[in-house]
Amino acid sequence: DRNILEIACGTGRFSVMLAEQGADVVGLDISAAML
């Protein structure tokens, strides 16, 4: 239930993990290819 921003999230290693654990996550990155 934590509201989390990951900057420079890249391929989403941490963003996906945190959302799997129940967090509400925004993953932000400058690279469209990484996203």
ModelCIF file with pLDDT and N, C-alpha, C, O atoms, coordinates in Angstrom:
data_MODEL
#
_entry.id   MODEL 
#
_entity.id                         1 
_entity.type                       polymer 
_entity.pdbx_number_of_molecules   1 
#
_entity_poly.entity_id                      1 
_entity_poly.type                           'polypeptide(L)' 
_entity_poly.nstd_linkage                   no 
_entity_poly.nstd_monomer                   no 
_entity_poly.pdbx_seq_one_letter_code       DRNILEIACGTGRFSVMLAEQGADVVGLDISAAML 
_entity_poly.pdbx_seq_one_letter_code_can   DRNILEIACGTGRFSVMLAEQGADVVGLDISAAML 
_entity_poly.pdbx_strand_id                 A 
#
loop_
_entity_poly_seq.entity_id 
_entity_poly_seq.num 
_entity_poly_seq.mon_id 
_entity_poly_seq.hetero 
1 1  ASP n 
1 2  ARG n 
1 3  ASN n 
1 4  ILE n 
1 5  LEU n 
1 6  GLU n 
1 7  ILE n 
1 8  ALA n 
1 9  CYS n 
1 10 GLY n 
1 11 THR n 
1 12 GLY n 
1 13 ARG n 
1 14 PHE n 
1 15 SER n 
1 16 VAL n 
1 17 MET n 
1 18 LEU n 
1 19 ALA n 
1 20 GLU n 
1 21 GLN n 
1 22 GLY n 
1 23 ALA n 
1 24 ASP n 
1 25 VAL n 
1 26 VAL n 
1 27 GLY n 
1 28 LEU n 
1 29 ASP n 
1 30 ILE n 
1 31 SER n 
1 32 ALA n 
1 33 ALA n 
1 34 MET n 
1 35 LEU n 
#
_struct_asym.id          A 
_struct_asym.entity_id   1 
#
loop_
_ma_qa_metric.id 
_ma_qa_metric.mode 
_ma_qa_metric.name 
_ma_qa_metric.software_group_id 
_ma_qa_metric.type 
1 global pLDDT . pLDDT 
2 local  pLDDT . pLDDT 
#
_ma_qa_metric_global.metric_id      1 
_ma_qa_metric_global.metric_value   96.40 
_ma_qa_metric_global.model_id       1 
_ma_qa_metric_global.ordinal_id     1 
#
loop_
_ma_qa_metric_local.label_asym_id 
_ma_qa_metric_local.label_comp_id 
_ma_qa_metric_local.label_seq_id 
_ma_qa_metric_local.metric_id 
_ma_qa_metric_local.metric_value 
_ma_qa_metric_local.model_id 
_ma_qa_metric_local.ordinal_id 
A ASP 1  2 95.00 1 1  
A ARG 2  2 97.00 1 2  
A ASN 3  2 98.00 1 3  
A ILE 4  2 98.00 1 4  
A LEU 5  2 98.00 1 5  
A GLU 6  2 98.00 1 6  
A ILE 7  2 97.00 1 7  
A ALA 8  2 95.00 1 8  
A CYS 9  2 96.00 1 9  
A GLY 10 2 94.00 1 10 
A THR 11 2 94.00 1 11 
A GLY 12 2 96.00 1 12 
A ARG 13 2 96.00 1 13 
A PHE 14 2 98.00 1 14 
A SER 15 2 98.00 1 15 
A VAL 16 2 98.00 1 16 
A MET 17 2 97.00 1 17 
A LEU 18 2 98.00 1 18 
A ALA 19 2 98.00 1 19 
A GLU 20 2 97.00 1 20 
A GLN 21 2 96.00 1 21 
A GLY 22 2 97.00 1 22 
A ALA 23 2 98.00 1 23 
A ASP 24 2 98.00 1 24 
A VAL 25 2 98.00 1 25 
A VAL 26 2 98.00 1 26 
A GLY 27 2 98.00 1 27 
A LEU 28 2 98.00 1 28 
A ASP 29 2 96.00 1 29 
A ILE 30 2 93.00 1 30 
A SER 31 2 92.00 1 31 
A ALA 32 2 93.00 1 32 
A ALA 33 2 93.00 1 33 
A MET 34 2 94.00 1 34 
A LEU 35 2 96.00 1 35 
#
loop_
_atom_site.group_PDB 
_atom_site.id 
_atom_site.type_symbol 
_atom_site.label_atom_id 
_atom_site.label_alt_id 
_atom_site.label_comp_id 
_atom_site.label_asym_id 
_atom_site.label_entity_id 
_atom_site.label_seq_id 
_atom_site.pdbx_PDB_ins_code 
_atom_site.Cartn_x 
_atom_site.Cartn_y 
_atom_site.Cartn_z 
_atom_site.occupancy 
_atom_site.B_iso_or_equiv 
_atom_site.pdbx_formal_charge 
_atom_site.auth_seq_id 
_atom_site.auth_comp_id 
_atom_site.auth_asym_id 
_atom_site.auth_atom_id 
_atom_site.pdbx_PDB_model_num 
ATOM 1   N N  . ASP A 1 1  ? 0.797  -1.231 0.000   1.00 95.00 ? 1  ASP A N  1 
ATOM 2   C CA . ASP A 1 1  ? 0.000  0.000  0.000   1.00 95.00 ? 1  ASP A CA 1 
ATOM 3   C C  . ASP A 1 1  ? 0.830  1.282  0.000   1.00 95.00 ? 1  ASP A C  1 
ATOM 4   O O  . ASP A 1 1  ? 0.265  2.372  0.094   1.00 95.00 ? 1  ASP A O  1 
ATOM 5   N N  . ARG A 1 2  ? 2.144  1.179  -0.103  1.00 97.00 ? 2  ARG A N  1 
ATOM 6   C CA . ARG A 1 2  ? 2.950  2.398  -0.195  1.00 97.00 ? 2  ARG A CA 1 
ATOM 7   C C  . ARG A 1 2  ? 2.880  2.948  -1.618  1.00 97.00 ? 2  ARG A C  1 
ATOM 8   O O  . ARG A 1 2  ? 2.759  2.205  -2.592  1.00 97.00 ? 2  ARG A O  1 
ATOM 9   N N  . ASN A 1 3  ? 2.958  4.259  -1.702  1.00 98.00 ? 3  ASN A N  1 
ATOM 10  C CA . ASN A 1 3  ? 2.933  4.973  -2.971  1.00 98.00 ? 3  ASN A CA 1 
ATOM 11  C C  . ASN A 1 3  ? 4.376  5.309  -3.330  1.00 98.00 ? 3  ASN A C  1 
ATOM 12  O O  . ASN A 1 3  ? 4.996  6.149  -2.677  1.00 98.00 ? 3  ASN A O  1 
ATOM 13  N N  . ILE A 1 4  ? 4.916  4.664  -4.358  1.00 98.00 ? 4  ILE A N  1 
ATOM 14  C CA . ILE A 1 4  ? 6.357  4.695  -4.620  1.00 98.00 ? 4  ILE A CA 1 
ATOM 15  C C  . ILE A 1 4  ? 6.643  5.182  -6.038  1.00 98.00 ? 4  ILE A C  1 
ATOM 16  O O  . ILE A 1 4  ? 5.981  4.777  -6.994  1.00 98.00 ? 4  ILE A O  1 
ATOM 17  N N  . LEU A 1 5  ? 7.631  6.048  -6.155  1.00 98.00 ? 5  LEU A N  1 
ATOM 18  C CA . LEU A 1 5  ? 8.170  6.452  -7.448  1.00 98.00 ? 5  LEU A CA 1 
ATOM 19  C C  . LEU A 1 5  ? 9.574  5.886  -7.592  1.00 98.00 ? 5  LEU A C  1 
ATOM 20  O O  . LEU A 1 5  ? 10.418 6.060  -6.712  1.00 98.00 ? 5  LEU A O  1 
ATOM 21  N N  . GLU A 1 6  ? 9.816  5.208  -8.706  1.00 98.00 ? 6  GLU A N  1 
ATOM 22  C CA . GLU A 1 6  ? 11.187 4.832  -9.031  1.00 98.00 ? 6  GLU A CA 1 
ATOM 23  C C  . GLU A 1 6  ? 11.633 5.663  -10.230 1.00 98.00 ? 6  GLU A C  1 
ATOM 24  O O  . GLU A 1 6  ? 11.046 5.575  -11.308 1.00 98.00 ? 6  GLU A O  1 
ATOM 25  N N  . ILE A 1 7  ? 12.669 6.462  -10.035 1.00 97.00 ? 7  ILE A N  1 
ATOM 26  C CA . ILE A 1 7  ? 13.208 7.223  -11.151 1.00 97.00 ? 7  ILE A CA 1 
ATOM 27  C C  . ILE A 1 7  ? 14.335 6.424  -11.800 1.00 97.00 ? 7  ILE A C  1 
ATOM 28  O O  . ILE A 1 7  ? 15.001 5.617  -11.150 1.00 97.00 ? 7  ILE A O  1 
ATOM 29  N N  . ALA A 1 8  ? 14.533 6.665  -13.094 1.00 95.00 ? 8  ALA A N  1 
ATOM 30  C CA . ALA A 1 8  ? 15.505 5.894  -13.869 1.00 95.00 ? 8  ALA A CA 1 
ATOM 31  C C  . ALA A 1 8  ? 15.225 4.405  -13.675 1.00 95.00 ? 8  ALA A C  1 
ATOM 32  O O  . ALA A 1 8  ? 16.126 3.630  -13.352 1.00 95.00 ? 8  ALA A O  1 
ATOM 33  N N  . CYS A 1 9  ? 13.981 4.020  -13.872 1.00 96.00 ? 9  CYS A N  1 
ATOM 34  C CA . CYS A 1 9  ? 13.554 2.652  -13.559 1.00 96.00 ? 9  CYS A CA 1 
ATOM 35  C C  . CYS A 1 9  ? 14.067 1.630  -14.562 1.00 96.00 ? 9  CYS A C  1 
ATOM 36  O O  . CYS A 1 9  ? 14.019 0.430  -14.293 1.00 96.00 ? 9  CYS A O  1 
ATOM 37  N N  . GLY A 1 10 ? 14.560 2.083  -15.717 1.00 94.00 ? 10 GLY A N  1 
ATOM 38  C CA . GLY A 1 10 ? 15.110 1.160  -16.694 1.00 94.00 ? 10 GLY A CA 1 
ATOM 39  C C  . GLY A 1 10 ? 14.100 0.117  -17.136 1.00 94.00 ? 10 GLY A C  1 
ATOM 40  O O  . GLY A 1 10 ? 12.991 0.454  -17.551 1.00 94.00 ? 10 GLY A O  1 
ATOM 41  N N  . THR A 1 11 ? 14.482 -1.141 -17.048 1.00 94.00 ? 11 THR A N  1 
ATOM 42  C CA . THR A 1 11 ? 13.612 -2.242 -17.474 1.00 94.00 ? 11 THR A CA 1 
ATOM 43  C C  . THR A 1 11 ? 12.626 -2.679 -16.393 1.00 94.00 ? 11 THR A C  1 
ATOM 44  O O  . THR A 1 11 ? 11.962 -3.706 -16.537 1.00 94.00 ? 11 THR A O  1 
ATOM 45  N N  . GLY A 1 12 ? 12.531 -1.912 -15.324 1.00 96.00 ? 12 GLY A N  1 
ATOM 46  C CA . GLY A 1 12 ? 11.501 -2.150 -14.321 1.00 96.00 ? 12 GLY A CA 1 
ATOM 47  C C  . GLY A 1 12 ? 11.805 -3.221 -13.300 1.00 96.00 ? 12 GLY A C  1 
ATOM 48  O O  . GLY A 1 12 ? 10.883 -3.768 -12.696 1.00 96.00 ? 12 GLY A O  1 
ATOM 49  N N  . ARG A 1 13 ? 13.084 -3.540 -13.087 1.00 96.00 ? 13 ARG A N  1 
ATOM 50  C CA . ARG A 1 13 ? 13.409 -4.595 -12.123 1.00 96.00 ? 13 ARG A CA 1 
ATOM 51  C C  . ARG A 1 13 ? 12.793 -4.310 -10.762 1.00 96.00 ? 13 ARG A C  1 
ATOM 52  O O  . ARG A 1 13 ? 12.157 -5.184 -10.173 1.00 96.00 ? 13 ARG A O  1 
ATOM 53  N N  . PHE A 1 14 ? 12.977 -3.103 -10.262 1.00 98.00 ? 14 PHE A N  1 
ATOM 54  C CA . PHE A 1 14 ? 12.490 -2.758 -8.924  1.00 98.00 ? 14 PHE A CA 1 
ATOM 55  C C  . PHE A 1 14 ? 11.015 -2.365 -8.947  1.00 98.00 ? 14 PHE A C  1 
ATOM 56  O O  . PHE A 1 14 ? 10.270 -2.712 -8.032  1.00 98.00 ? 14 PHE A O  1 
ATOM 57  N N  . SER A 1 15 ? 10.590 -1.649 -9.977  1.00 98.00 ? 15 SER A N  1 
ATOM 58  C CA . SER A 1 15 ? 9.186  -1.241 -10.066 1.00 98.00 ? 15 SER A CA 1 
ATOM 59  C C  . SER A 1 15 ? 8.258  -2.454 -10.078 1.00 98.00 ? 15 SER A C  1 
ATOM 60  O O  . SER A 1 15 ? 7.260  -2.486 -9.357  1.00 98.00 ? 15 SER A O  1 
ATOM 61  N N  . VAL A 1 16 ? 8.585  -3.442 -10.890 1.00 98.00 ? 16 VAL A N  1 
ATOM 62  C CA . VAL A 1 16 ? 7.754  -4.645 -10.959 1.00 98.00 ? 16 VAL A CA 1 
ATOM 63  C C  . VAL A 1 16 ? 7.782  -5.394 -9.630  1.00 98.00 ? 16 VAL A C  1 
ATOM 64  O O  . VAL A 1 16 ? 6.742  -5.838 -9.144  1.00 98.00 ? 16 VAL A O  1 
ATOM 65  N N  . MET A 1 17 ? 8.960  -5.533 -9.047  1.00 97.00 ? 17 MET A N  1 
ATOM 66  C CA . MET A 1 17 ? 9.078  -6.224 -7.760  1.00 97.00 ? 17 MET A CA 1 
ATOM 67  C C  . MET A 1 17 ? 8.220  -5.562 -6.691  1.00 97.00 ? 17 MET A C  1 
ATOM 68  O O  . MET A 1 17 ? 7.525  -6.248 -5.943  1.00 97.00 ? 17 MET A O  1 
ATOM 69  N N  . LEU A 1 18 ? 8.262  -4.236 -6.612  1.00 98.00 ? 18 LEU A N  1 
ATOM 70  C CA . LEU A 1 18 ? 7.520  -3.518 -5.577  1.00 98.00 ? 18 LEU A CA 1 
ATOM 71  C C  . LEU A 1 18 ? 6.015  -3.624 -5.807  1.00 98.00 ? 18 LEU A C  1 
ATOM 72  O O  . LEU A 1 18 ? 5.246  -3.749 -4.853  1.00 98.00 ? 18 LEU A O  1 
ATOM 73  N N  . ALA A 1 19 ? 5.592  -3.573 -7.076  1.00 98.00 ? 19 ALA A N  1 
ATOM 74  C CA . ALA A 1 19 ? 4.167  -3.735 -7.376  1.00 98.00 ? 19 ALA A CA 1 
ATOM 75  C C  . ALA A 1 19 ? 3.703  -5.162 -7.076  1.00 98.00 ? 19 ALA A C  1 
ATOM 76  O O  . ALA A 1 19 ? 2.564  -5.369 -6.658  1.00 98.00 ? 19 ALA A O  1 
ATOM 77  N N  . GLU A 1 20 ? 4.571  -6.134 -7.286  1.00 97.00 ? 20 GLU A N  1 
ATOM 78  C CA . GLU A 1 20 ? 4.246  -7.518 -6.916  1.00 97.00 ? 20 GLU A CA 1 
ATOM 79  C C  . GLU A 1 20 ? 3.998  -7.633 -5.419  1.00 97.00 ? 20 GLU A C  1 
ATOM 80  O O  . GLU A 1 20 ? 3.170  -8.431 -4.980  1.00 97.00 ? 20 GLU A O  1 
ATOM 81  N N  . GLN A 1 21 ? 4.725  -6.823 -4.626  1.00 96.00 ? 21 GLN A N  1 
ATOM 82  C CA . GLN A 1 21 ? 4.634  -6.870 -3.170  1.00 96.00 ? 21 GLN A CA 1 
ATOM 83  C C  . GLN A 1 21 ? 3.468  -6.038 -2.628  1.00 96.00 ? 21 GLN A C  1 
ATOM 84  O O  . GLN A 1 21 ? 3.250  -5.989 -1.417  1.00 96.00 ? 21 GLN A O  1 
ATOM 85  N N  . GLY A 1 22 ? 2.712  -5.376 -3.532  1.00 97.00 ? 22 GLY A N  1 
ATOM 86  C CA . GLY A 1 22 ? 1.524  -4.663 -3.081  1.00 97.00 ? 22 GLY A CA 1 
ATOM 87  C C  . GLY A 1 22 ? 1.632  -3.159 -3.061  1.00 97.00 ? 22 GLY A C  1 
ATOM 88  O O  . GLY A 1 22 ? 0.703  -2.493 -2.605  1.00 97.00 ? 22 GLY A O  1 
ATOM 89  N N  . ALA A 1 23 ? 2.724  -2.595 -3.536  1.00 98.00 ? 23 ALA A N  1 
ATOM 90  C CA . ALA A 1 23 ? 2.862  -1.147 -3.596  1.00 98.00 ? 23 ALA A CA 1 
ATOM 91  C C  . ALA A 1 23 ? 2.194  -0.589 -4.846  1.00 98.00 ? 23 ALA A C  1 
ATOM 92  O O  . ALA A 1 23 ? 2.021  -1.297 -5.839  1.00 98.00 ? 23 ALA A O  1 
ATOM 93  N N  . ASP A 1 24 ? 1.822  0.684  -4.787  1.00 98.00 ? 24 ASP A N  1 
ATOM 94  C CA . ASP A 1 24 ? 1.356  1.408  -5.964  1.00 98.00 ? 24 ASP A CA 1 
ATOM 95  C C  . ASP A 1 24 ? 2.553  2.174  -6.511  1.00 98.00 ? 24 ASP A C  1 
ATOM 96  O O  . ASP A 1 24 ? 3.059  3.086  -5.857  1.00 98.00 ? 24 ASP A O  1 
ATOM 97  N N  . VAL A 1 25 ? 3.004  1.811  -7.699  1.00 98.00 ? 25 VAL A N  1 
ATOM 98  C CA . VAL A 1 25 ? 4.310  2.230  -8.198  1.00 98.00 ? 25 VAL A CA 1 
ATOM 99  C C  . VAL A 1 25 ? 4.187  2.982  -9.516  1.00 98.00 ? 25 VAL A C  1 
ATOM 100 O O  . VAL A 1 25 ? 3.410  2.616  -10.398 1.00 98.00 ? 25 VAL A O  1 
ATOM 101 N N  . VAL A 1 26 ? 4.978  4.044  -9.619  1.00 98.00 ? 26 VAL A N  1 
ATOM 102 C CA . VAL A 1 26 ? 5.207  4.708  -10.894 1.00 98.00 ? 26 VAL A CA 1 
ATOM 103 C C  . VAL A 1 26 ? 6.682  4.531  -11.222 1.00 98.00 ? 26 VAL A C  1 
ATOM 104 O O  . VAL A 1 26 ? 7.547  4.917  -10.436 1.00 98.00 ? 26 VAL A O  1 
ATOM 105 N N  . GLY A 1 27 ? 6.968  3.949  -12.377 1.00 98.00 ? 27 GLY A N  1 
ATOM 106 C CA . GLY A 1 27 ? 8.338  3.823  -12.848 1.00 98.00 ? 27 GLY A CA 1 
ATOM 107 C C  . GLY A 1 27 ? 8.584  4.856  -13.931 1.00 98.00 ? 27 GLY A C  1 
ATOM 108 O O  . GLY A 1 27 ? 7.904  4.850  -14.957 1.00 98.00 ? 27 GLY A O  1 
ATOM 109 N N  . LEU A 1 28 ? 9.538  5.735  -13.721 1.00 98.00 ? 28 LEU A N  1 
ATOM 110 C CA . LEU A 1 28 ? 9.819  6.820  -14.666 1.00 98.00 ? 28 LEU A CA 1 
ATOM 111 C C  . LEU A 1 28 ? 11.212 6.663  -15.238 1.00 98.00 ? 28 LEU A C  1 
ATOM 112 O O  . LEU A 1 28 ? 12.166 6.389  -14.510 1.00 98.00 ? 28 LEU A O  1 
ATOM 113 N N  . ASP A 1 29 ? 11.325 6.838  -16.552 1.00 96.00 ? 29 ASP A N  1 
ATOM 114 C CA . ASP A 1 29 ? 12.622 6.732  -17.206 1.00 96.00 ? 29 ASP A CA 1 
ATOM 115 C C  . ASP A 1 29 ? 12.613 7.599  -18.455 1.00 96.00 ? 29 ASP A C  1 
ATOM 116 O O  . ASP A 1 29 ? 11.558 7.864  -19.030 1.00 96.00 ? 29 ASP A O  1 
ATOM 117 N N  . ILE A 1 30 ? 13.798 8.040  -18.870 1.00 93.00 ? 30 ILE A N  1 
ATOM 118 C CA . ILE A 1 30 ? 13.913 8.863  -20.065 1.00 93.00 ? 30 ILE A CA 1 
ATOM 119 C C  . ILE A 1 30 ? 13.910 8.037  -21.335 1.00 93.00 ? 30 ILE A C  1 
ATOM 120 O O  . ILE A 1 30 ? 13.710 8.574  -22.425 1.00 93.00 ? 30 ILE A O  1 
ATOM 121 N N  . SER A 1 31 ? 14.131 6.730  -21.208 1.00 92.00 ? 31 SER A N  1 
ATOM 122 C CA . SER A 1 31 ? 14.267 5.849  -22.362 1.00 92.00 ? 31 SER A CA 1 
ATOM 123 C C  . SER A 1 31 ? 12.968 5.116  -22.658 1.00 92.00 ? 31 SER A C  1 
ATOM 124 O O  . SER A 1 31 ? 12.508 4.308  -21.852 1.00 92.00 ? 31 SER A O  1 
ATOM 125 N N  . ALA A 1 32 ? 12.376 5.397  -23.816 1.00 93.00 ? 32 ALA A N  1 
ATOM 126 C CA . ALA A 1 32 ? 11.168 4.690  -24.225 1.00 93.00 ? 32 ALA A CA 1 
ATOM 127 C C  . ALA A 1 32 ? 11.445 3.203  -24.433 1.00 93.00 ? 32 ALA A C  1 
ATOM 128 O O  . ALA A 1 32 ? 10.589 2.360  -24.165 1.00 93.00 ? 32 ALA A O  1 
ATOM 129 N N  . ALA A 1 33 ? 12.644 2.892  -24.913 1.00 93.00 ? 33 ALA A N  1 
ATOM 130 C CA . ALA A 1 33 ? 13.002 1.488  -25.152 1.00 93.00 ? 33 ALA A CA 1 
ATOM 131 C C  . ALA A 1 33 ? 13.091 0.706  -23.845 1.00 93.00 ? 33 ALA A C  1 
ATOM 132 O O  . ALA A 1 33 ? 12.637 -0.436 -23.776 1.00 93.00 ? 33 ALA A O  1 
ATOM 133 N N  . MET A 1 34 ? 13.666 1.305  -22.814 1.00 94.00 ? 34 MET A N  1 
ATOM 134 C CA . MET A 1 34 ? 13.735 0.647  -21.515 1.00 94.00 ? 34 MET A CA 1 
ATOM 135 C C  . MET A 1 34 ? 12.341 0.450  -20.929 1.00 94.00 ? 34 MET A C  1 
ATOM 136 O O  . MET A 1 34 ? 12.036 -0.611 -20.384 1.00 94.00 ? 34 MET A O  1 
ATOM 137 N N  . LEU A 1 35 ? 11.509 1.458  -21.041 1.00 96.00 ? 35 LEU A N  1 
ATOM 138 C CA . LEU A 1 35 ? 10.151 1.356  -20.508 1.00 96.00 ? 35 LEU A CA 1 
ATOM 139 C C  . LEU A 1 35 ? 9.358  0.254  -21.192 1.00 96.00 ? 35 LEU A C  1 
ATOM 140 O O  . LEU A 1 35 ? 8.193  0.034  -20.861 1.00 96.00 ? 35 LEU A O  1 
#
